[in-house]
Amino acid sequence: DAAKEKSTSFSFDKAALFPFVLKLGEFLKKGFDHYVQLRISGIEVNRDMLGPFIEAQMHSWNPKIGGKEMLDPYTKKAAAHFIAGVAFNMAHSQDQEK
């Protein structure tokens, strides 16, 4: 049956994602650190400030999984802004505790 054969030709290897996810974590840490540096400088930070910074950090990163590129420009931009939001929330919550 052609439909069954087509559906079984897809696979998802979670283990192949580890390097990708670890690198996303590095970008998250850079965003967090950037927030901290801006706050130390006396700058009030918002998540919109972190997005372009993380995008710039990710500019030359072109991850591949199974030899296939994973991030087109739109997806890379979305990933950068997602990471910026998480970095902001993590740092801002700690900032509010002070």
Protein backbone atom coordinates (compact mmCIF):
# COMPACT_ATOMS: atom_id res chain seq x y z
CA ASP A 1 0.00 0.00 0.00
CA ALA A 2 1.60 3.28 -1.17
CA ALA A 3 0.22 5.40 1.69
CA LYS A 4 1.59 3.04 4.33
CA GLU A 5 4.97 2.87 2.59
CA LYS A 6 5.14 6.67 2.41
CA SER A 7 4.27 7.13 6.09
CA THR A 8 6.95 4.68 7.20
CA SER A 9 9.66 6.47 5.21
CA PHE A 10 9.72 9.27 7.82
CA SER A 11 11.87 8.94 10.91
CA PHE A 12 12.65 11.10 13.92
CA ASP A 13 15.97 10.55 15.66
CA LYS A 14 15.87 12.29 19.06
CA ALA A 15 19.56 11.58 19.64
CA ALA A 16 20.47 13.58 16.53
CA LEU A 17 18.91 16.63 18.18
CA PHE A 18 21.34 16.77 21.13
CA PRO A 19 24.03 18.90 19.43
CA PHE A 20 21.32 21.19 18.05
CA VAL A 21 19.65 21.62 21.45
CA LEU A 22 23.00 22.14 23.19
CA LYS A 23 23.86 24.93 20.77
CA LEU A 24 20.47 26.56 21.38
CA GLY A 25 21.35 26.43 25.07
CA GLU A 26 24.61 28.26 24.34
CA PHE A 27 22.68 31.01 22.57
CA LEU A 28 20.30 31.17 25.53
CA LYS A 29 23.27 31.64 27.87
CA LYS A 30 24.65 34.41 25.63
CA GLY A 31 21.29 36.17 25.74
CA PHE A 32 21.13 35.81 29.51
CA ASP A 33 24.68 37.16 29.88
CA HIS A 34 23.89 40.06 27.54
CA TYR A 35 20.88 40.96 29.69
CA VAL A 36 23.08 40.94 32.78
CA GLN A 37 25.74 43.13 31.13
CA LEU A 38 23.14 45.64 29.97
CA ARG A 39 21.62 45.82 33.46
CA ILE A 40 25.06 46.30 35.04
CA SER A 41 25.53 49.20 32.60
CA GLY A 42 22.31 50.72 33.94
CA ILE A 43 20.21 49.95 30.87
CA GLU A 44 16.62 48.86 31.35
CA VAL A 45 16.25 45.72 29.21
CA ASN A 46 13.27 44.38 27.32
CA ARG A 47 12.97 41.18 25.31
CA ASP A 48 12.93 43.11 22.03
CA MET A 49 16.51 44.20 22.75
CA LEU A 50 17.73 40.63 23.09
CA GLY A 51 16.23 39.24 19.87
CA PRO A 52 18.50 41.12 17.44
CA PHE A 53 21.52 40.35 19.62
CA ILE A 54 20.83 36.61 19.54
CA GLU A 55 20.04 36.78 15.82
CA ALA A 56 23.49 38.30 15.26
CA GLN A 57 25.08 35.54 17.36
CA MET A 58 23.27 32.90 15.28
CA HIS A 59 24.07 34.52 11.92
CA SER A 60 26.74 32.06 10.76
CA TRP A 61 25.22 29.01 12.49
CA ASN A 62 23.76 26.60 9.96
CA PRO A 63 22.94 23.40 11.85
CA LYS A 64 22.39 20.16 10.03
CA ILE A 65 20.70 17.01 11.20
CA GLY A 66 21.25 13.97 9.08
CA GLY A 67 23.05 16.16 6.54
CA LYS A 68 20.00 18.40 6.06
CA GLU A 69 19.97 22.10 6.98
CA MET A 70 17.47 22.78 9.73
CA LEU A 71 17.15 26.56 9.81
CA ASP A 72 15.94 28.66 6.92
CA PRO A 73 16.21 32.45 7.54
CA TYR A 74 12.61 32.73 8.81
CA THR A 75 13.00 29.82 11.24
CA LYS A 76 16.38 31.10 12.47
CA LYS A 77 14.85 34.52 13.19
CA ALA A 78 11.93 32.90 15.01
CA ALA A 79 14.32 30.71 17.02
CA ALA A 80 16.42 33.73 17.99
CA HIS A 81 13.37 35.60 19.23
CA PHE A 82 12.07 32.56 21.10
CA ILE A 83 15.46 32.18 22.82
CA ALA A 84 15.50 35.92 23.55
CA GLY A 85 12.13 35.62 25.28
CA VAL A 86 13.29 32.71 27.42
CA ALA A 87 16.59 34.45 28.28
CA PHE A 88 14.69 37.62 29.16
CA ASN A 89 12.21 35.76 31.36
CA MET A 90 14.98 33.89 33.17
CA ALA A 91 17.10 36.99 33.81
CA HIS A 92 14.20 39.36 34.44
CA SER A 93 12.67 37.08 37.07
CA GLN A 94 15.99 37.07 38.95
CA ASP A 95 16.32 40.82 38.45
CA GLN A 96 12.90 41.36 40.05
CA GLU A 97 13.96 39.38 43.13
CA LYS A 98 16.66 41.96 43.93
